[in-house]
Protein backbone atom coordinates (compact mmCIF):
# COMPACT_ATOMS: atom_id res chain seq x y z
CA UNK A 1 0.00 0.00 0.00
CA UNK A 2 1.41 3.34 -1.08
CA UNK A 3 1.52 5.96 1.64
CA UNK A 4 2.93 9.41 2.10
CA UNK A 5 2.41 10.71 5.62
CA UNK A 6 3.27 14.27 6.54
CA UNK A 7 3.87 15.60 10.03
CA UNK A 8 5.29 18.64 11.77
CA UNK A 9 2.70 21.27 10.99
CA UNK A 10 1.19 23.54 13.59
CA UNK A 11 0.65 27.08 14.80
CA UNK A 12 3.71 29.30 14.94
CA UNK A 13 4.18 33.06 15.35
CA UNK A 14 5.64 35.16 12.55
CA UNK A 15 9.39 34.73 12.43
CA UNK A 16 9.20 31.24 13.83
CA UNK A 17 10.32 27.93 12.39
CA UNK A 18 8.83 24.55 11.64
CA UNK A 19 10.22 21.37 10.19
CA UNK A 20 7.86 19.28 8.10
CA UNK A 21 8.54 15.59 7.59
CA UNK A 22 7.11 13.10 5.13
CA UNK A 23 7.61 9.35 5.35
CA UNK A 24 7.01 7.21 2.29
CA UNK A 25 6.13 3.56 1.95
CA UNK A 26 4.89 1.17 -0.70
CA UNK A 27 6.98 2.42 -3.60
CA UNK A 28 10.62 2.91 -4.52
CA UNK A 29 11.14 6.25 -2.83
CA UNK A 30 14.77 6.62 -3.88
CA UNK A 31 13.86 6.72 -7.55
CA UNK A 32 11.46 9.64 -7.40
CA UNK A 33 11.81 13.39 -7.37
CA UNK A 34 9.97 14.56 -4.27
CA UNK A 35 8.07 17.80 -3.89
CA UNK A 36 6.38 19.91 -1.27
CA UNK A 37 3.27 21.77 -2.34
CA UNK A 38 0.95 24.05 -0.43
CA UNK A 39 -2.62 25.13 -0.90
CA UNK A 40 -5.21 27.38 0.66
CA UNK A 41 -8.97 26.97 0.19
CA UNK A 42 -10.11 28.33 -3.14
CA UNK A 43 -6.58 28.71 -4.46
CA UNK A 44 -4.40 26.62 -6.73
CA UNK A 45 -1.88 24.23 -5.30
CA UNK A 46 1.58 25.85 -5.38
CA UNK A 47 4.93 24.09 -5.72
CA UNK A 48 7.06 25.10 -2.74
CA UNK A 49 10.20 23.03 -3.25
CA UNK A 50 11.48 20.05 -5.24
CA UNK A 51 14.39 17.67 -4.72
CA UNK A 52 15.80 15.09 -7.12
CA UNK A 53 16.03 11.39 -6.37
CA UNK A 54 19.69 11.81 -5.43
CA UNK A 55 19.21 14.86 -3.24
CA UNK A 56 19.89 17.72 -5.59
CA UNK A 57 17.59 20.68 -4.98
CA UNK A 58 15.64 21.36 -8.14
CA UNK A 59 13.49 24.33 -7.29
CA UNK A 60 12.11 26.68 -4.68
CA UNK A 61 9.17 29.00 -5.06
CA UNK A 62 10.44 32.58 -5.22
CA UNK A 63 8.43 33.40 -2.12
CA UNK A 64 10.35 30.90 0.04
CA UNK A 65 13.90 31.19 -1.32
CA UNK A 66 16.39 31.82 1.44
CA UNK A 67 13.92 30.77 4.13
CA UNK A 68 12.96 27.17 3.33
CA UNK A 69 15.24 24.17 2.80
CA UNK A 70 14.20 20.84 1.31
CA UNK A 71 16.17 17.70 2.03
CA UNK A 72 15.74 13.94 1.94
CA UNK A 73 17.09 10.75 3.48
CA UNK A 74 16.68 7.84 1.09
CA UNK A 75 17.78 5.35 3.73
CA UNK A 76 14.78 6.35 5.83
CA UNK A 77 12.35 7.08 2.98
CA UNK A 78 11.96 10.58 4.34
CA UNK A 79 11.72 14.06 2.84
CA UNK A 80 11.85 17.21 4.93
CA UNK A 81 11.03 20.88 4.64
CA UNK A 82 12.78 23.19 7.08
CA UNK A 83 10.86 26.45 7.23
CA UNK A 84 12.45 29.48 8.88
CA UNK A 85 11.42 33.12 9.18
CA UNK A 86 7.82 32.13 8.65
CA UNK A 87 5.34 34.74 7.48
CA UNK A 88 1.54 34.83 7.72
CA UNK A 89 1.38 34.29 3.96
CA UNK A 90 3.05 30.90 4.46
CA UNK A 91 -0.15 29.70 6.10
CA UNK A 92 -1.49 26.76 4.09
CA UNK A 93 -1.97 23.04 3.97
CA UNK A 94 1.36 21.52 2.99
CA UNK A 95 1.45 18.35 0.90
CA UNK A 96 4.19 15.87 0.16
CA UNK A 97 4.25 14.54 -3.41
CA UNK A 98 6.22 12.03 -5.40
CA UNK A 99 5.13 11.03 -8.90
CA UNK A 100 1.42 10.32 -8.74
CA UNK A 101 1.45 9.86 -4.98
CA UNK A 102 0.20 12.45 -2.51
CA UNK A 103 0.03 12.71 1.25
CA UNK A 104 -2.97 13.90 3.19
CA UNK A 105 -1.38 17.19 4.13
CA UNK A 106 -0.29 18.95 7.31
CA UNK A 107 -1.60 22.38 8.27
CA UNK A 108 0.80 25.24 8.87
CA UNK A 109 -0.61 28.38 10.42
CA UNK A 110 1.55 31.45 10.97
CA UNK A 111 -0.16 33.89 13.27
CA UNK A 112 0.46 35.91 16.38
C-alpha atoms as a PDB file:
ATOM      1  CA  UNK A   1       0.000   0.000   0.000  1.00  0.00           C
ATOM      2  CA  UNK A   2       1.414   3.342  -1.076  1.00  0.00           C
ATOM      3  CA  UNK A   3       1.517   5.962   1.643  1.00  0.00           C
ATOM      4  CA  UNK A   4       2.932   9.412   2.102  1.00  0.00           C
ATOM      5  CA  UNK A   5       2.411  10.713   5.619  1.00  0.00           C
ATOM      6  CA  UNK A   6       3.271  14.273   6.535  1.00  0.00           C
ATOM      7  CA  UNK A   7       3.865  15.599  10.034  1.00  0.00           C
ATOM      8  CA  UNK A   8       5.288  18.638  11.771  1.00  0.00           C
ATOM      9  CA  UNK A   9       2.699  21.271  10.994  1.00  0.00           C
ATOM     10  CA  UNK A  10       1.192  23.544  13.587  1.00  0.00           C
ATOM     11  CA  UNK A  11       0.649  27.082  14.796  1.00  0.00           C
ATOM     12  CA  UNK A  12       3.714  29.299  14.940  1.00  0.00           C
ATOM     13  CA  UNK A  13       4.180  33.059  15.352  1.00  0.00           C
ATOM     14  CA  UNK A  14       5.645  35.162  12.553  1.00  0.00           C
ATOM     15  CA  UNK A  15       9.393  34.733  12.429  1.00  0.00           C
ATOM     16  CA  UNK A  16       9.197  31.242  13.833  1.00  0.00           C
ATOM     17  CA  UNK A  17      10.322  27.933  12.392  1.00  0.00           C
ATOM     18  CA  UNK A  18       8.833  24.548  11.641  1.00  0.00           C
ATOM     19  CA  UNK A  19      10.224  21.366  10.188  1.00  0.00           C
ATOM     20  CA  UNK A  20       7.858  19.279   8.099  1.00  0.00           C
ATOM     21  CA  UNK A  21       8.538  15.592   7.587  1.00  0.00           C
ATOM     22  CA  UNK A  22       7.112  13.105   5.127  1.00  0.00           C
ATOM     23  CA  UNK A  23       7.609   9.352   5.349  1.00  0.00           C
ATOM     24  CA  UNK A  24       7.014   7.211   2.291  1.00  0.00           C
ATOM     25  CA  UNK A  25       6.126   3.559   1.946  1.00  0.00           C
ATOM     26  CA  UNK A  26       4.887   1.166  -0.698  1.00  0.00           C
ATOM     27  CA  UNK A  27       6.981   2.422  -3.597  1.00  0.00           C
ATOM     28  CA  UNK A  28      10.624   2.914  -4.524  1.00  0.00           C
ATOM     29  CA  UNK A  29      11.137   6.252  -2.833  1.00  0.00           C
ATOM     30  CA  UNK A  30      14.769   6.620  -3.875  1.00  0.00           C
ATOM     31  CA  UNK A  31      13.857   6.725  -7.551  1.00  0.00           C
ATOM     32  CA  UNK A  32      11.462   9.644  -7.396  1.00  0.00           C
ATOM     33  CA  UNK A  33      11.811  13.388  -7.367  1.00  0.00           C
ATOM     34  CA  UNK A  34       9.966  14.560  -4.273  1.00  0.00           C
ATOM     35  CA  UNK A  35       8.067  17.795  -3.890  1.00  0.00           C
ATOM     36  CA  UNK A  36       6.385  19.914  -1.267  1.00  0.00           C
ATOM     37  CA  UNK A  37       3.266  21.774  -2.341  1.00  0.00           C
ATOM     38  CA  UNK A  38       0.950  24.051  -0.433  1.00  0.00           C
ATOM     39  CA  UNK A  39      -2.621  25.132  -0.901  1.00  0.00           C
ATOM     40  CA  UNK A  40      -5.210  27.379   0.662  1.00  0.00           C
ATOM     41  CA  UNK A  41      -8.966  26.970   0.193  1.00  0.00           C
ATOM     42  CA  UNK A  42     -10.110  28.325  -3.142  1.00  0.00           C
ATOM     43  CA  UNK A  43      -6.579  28.705  -4.456  1.00  0.00           C
ATOM     44  CA  UNK A  44      -4.403  26.617  -6.734  1.00  0.00           C
ATOM     45  CA  UNK A  45      -1.876  24.231  -5.304  1.00  0.00           C
ATOM     46  CA  UNK A  46       1.582  25.847  -5.377  1.00  0.00           C
ATOM     47  CA  UNK A  47       4.931  24.086  -5.718  1.00  0.00           C
ATOM     48  CA  UNK A  48       7.060  25.104  -2.737  1.00  0.00           C
ATOM     49  CA  UNK A  49      10.201  23.027  -3.254  1.00  0.00           C
ATOM     50  CA  UNK A  50      11.476  20.048  -5.236  1.00  0.00           C
ATOM     51  CA  UNK A  51      14.392  17.675  -4.724  1.00  0.00           C
ATOM     52  CA  UNK A  52      15.800  15.089  -7.117  1.00  0.00           C
ATOM     53  CA  UNK A  53      16.025  11.394  -6.368  1.00  0.00           C
ATOM     54  CA  UNK A  54      19.694  11.809  -5.434  1.00  0.00           C
ATOM     55  CA  UNK A  55      19.206  14.863  -3.236  1.00  0.00           C
ATOM     56  CA  UNK A  56      19.887  17.725  -5.593  1.00  0.00           C
ATOM     57  CA  UNK A  57      17.594  20.677  -4.984  1.00  0.00           C
ATOM     58  CA  UNK A  58      15.636  21.363  -8.142  1.00  0.00           C
ATOM     59  CA  UNK A  59      13.486  24.332  -7.287  1.00  0.00           C
ATOM     60  CA  UNK A  60      12.108  26.681  -4.680  1.00  0.00           C
ATOM     61  CA  UNK A  61       9.173  28.998  -5.057  1.00  0.00           C
ATOM     62  CA  UNK A  62      10.443  32.579  -5.224  1.00  0.00           C
ATOM     63  CA  UNK A  63       8.433  33.401  -2.124  1.00  0.00           C
ATOM     64  CA  UNK A  64      10.354  30.901   0.037  1.00  0.00           C
ATOM     65  CA  UNK A  65      13.900  31.188  -1.324  1.00  0.00           C
ATOM     66  CA  UNK A  66      16.391  31.822   1.444  1.00  0.00           C
ATOM     67  CA  UNK A  67      13.917  30.770   4.128  1.00  0.00           C
ATOM     68  CA  UNK A  68      12.958  27.165   3.335  1.00  0.00           C
ATOM     69  CA  UNK A  69      15.237  24.170   2.799  1.00  0.00           C
ATOM     70  CA  UNK A  70      14.197  20.841   1.308  1.00  0.00           C
ATOM     71  CA  UNK A  71      16.173  17.696   2.031  1.00  0.00           C
ATOM     72  CA  UNK A  72      15.736  13.936   1.939  1.00  0.00           C
ATOM     73  CA  UNK A  73      17.087  10.750   3.481  1.00  0.00           C
ATOM     74  CA  UNK A  74      16.684   7.841   1.087  1.00  0.00           C
ATOM     75  CA  UNK A  75      17.782   5.346   3.733  1.00  0.00           C
ATOM     76  CA  UNK A  76      14.779   6.354   5.832  1.00  0.00           C
ATOM     77  CA  UNK A  77      12.349   7.085   2.982  1.00  0.00           C
ATOM     78  CA  UNK A  78      11.962  10.582   4.340  1.00  0.00           C
ATOM     79  CA  UNK A  79      11.718  14.065   2.842  1.00  0.00           C
ATOM     80  CA  UNK A  80      11.850  17.213   4.931  1.00  0.00           C
ATOM     81  CA  UNK A  81      11.027  20.883   4.638  1.00  0.00           C
ATOM     82  CA  UNK A  82      12.781  23.191   7.076  1.00  0.00           C
ATOM     83  CA  UNK A  83      10.860  26.453   7.234  1.00  0.00           C
ATOM     84  CA  UNK A  84      12.453  29.481   8.883  1.00  0.00           C
ATOM     85  CA  UNK A  85      11.423  33.123   9.181  1.00  0.00           C
ATOM     86  CA  UNK A  86       7.824  32.130   8.655  1.00  0.00           C
ATOM     87  CA  UNK A  87       5.338  34.736   7.484  1.00  0.00           C
ATOM     88  CA  UNK A  88       1.538  34.830   7.720  1.00  0.00           C
ATOM     89  CA  UNK A  89       1.383  34.294   3.961  1.00  0.00           C
ATOM     90  CA  UNK A  90       3.050  30.904   4.460  1.00  0.00           C
ATOM     91  CA  UNK A  91      -0.147  29.700   6.097  1.00  0.00           C
ATOM     92  CA  UNK A  92      -1.491  26.762   4.090  1.00  0.00           C
ATOM     93  CA  UNK A  93      -1.974  23.041   3.973  1.00  0.00           C
ATOM     94  CA  UNK A  94       1.359  21.520   2.993  1.00  0.00           C
ATOM     95  CA  UNK A  95       1.453  18.349   0.905  1.00  0.00           C
ATOM     96  CA  UNK A  96       4.193  15.870   0.158  1.00  0.00           C
ATOM     97  CA  UNK A  97       4.252  14.541  -3.414  1.00  0.00           C
ATOM     98  CA  UNK A  98       6.221  12.029  -5.399  1.00  0.00           C
ATOM     99  CA  UNK A  99       5.132  11.026  -8.902  1.00  0.00           C
ATOM    100  CA  UNK A 100       1.417  10.320  -8.741  1.00  0.00           C
ATOM    101  CA  UNK A 101       1.450   9.860  -4.983  1.00  0.00           C
ATOM    102  CA  UNK A 102       0.202  12.451  -2.511  1.00  0.00           C
ATOM    103  CA  UNK A 103       0.031  12.708   1.247  1.00  0.00           C
ATOM    104  CA  UNK A 104      -2.975  13.897   3.192  1.00  0.00           C
ATOM    105  CA  UNK A 105      -1.375  17.185   4.133  1.00  0.00           C
ATOM    106  CA  UNK A 106      -0.290  18.953   7.307  1.00  0.00           C
ATOM    107  CA  UNK A 107      -1.597  22.379   8.275  1.00  0.00           C
ATOM    108  CA  UNK A 108       0.799  25.236   8.866  1.00  0.00           C
ATOM    109  CA  UNK A 109      -0.611  28.384  10.417  1.00  0.00           C
ATOM    110  CA  UNK A 110       1.547  31.450  10.975  1.00  0.00           C
ATOM    111  CA  UNK A 111      -0.156  33.891  13.268  1.00  0.00           C
ATOM    112  CA  UNK A 112       0.461  35.914  16.378  1.00  0.00           C
END
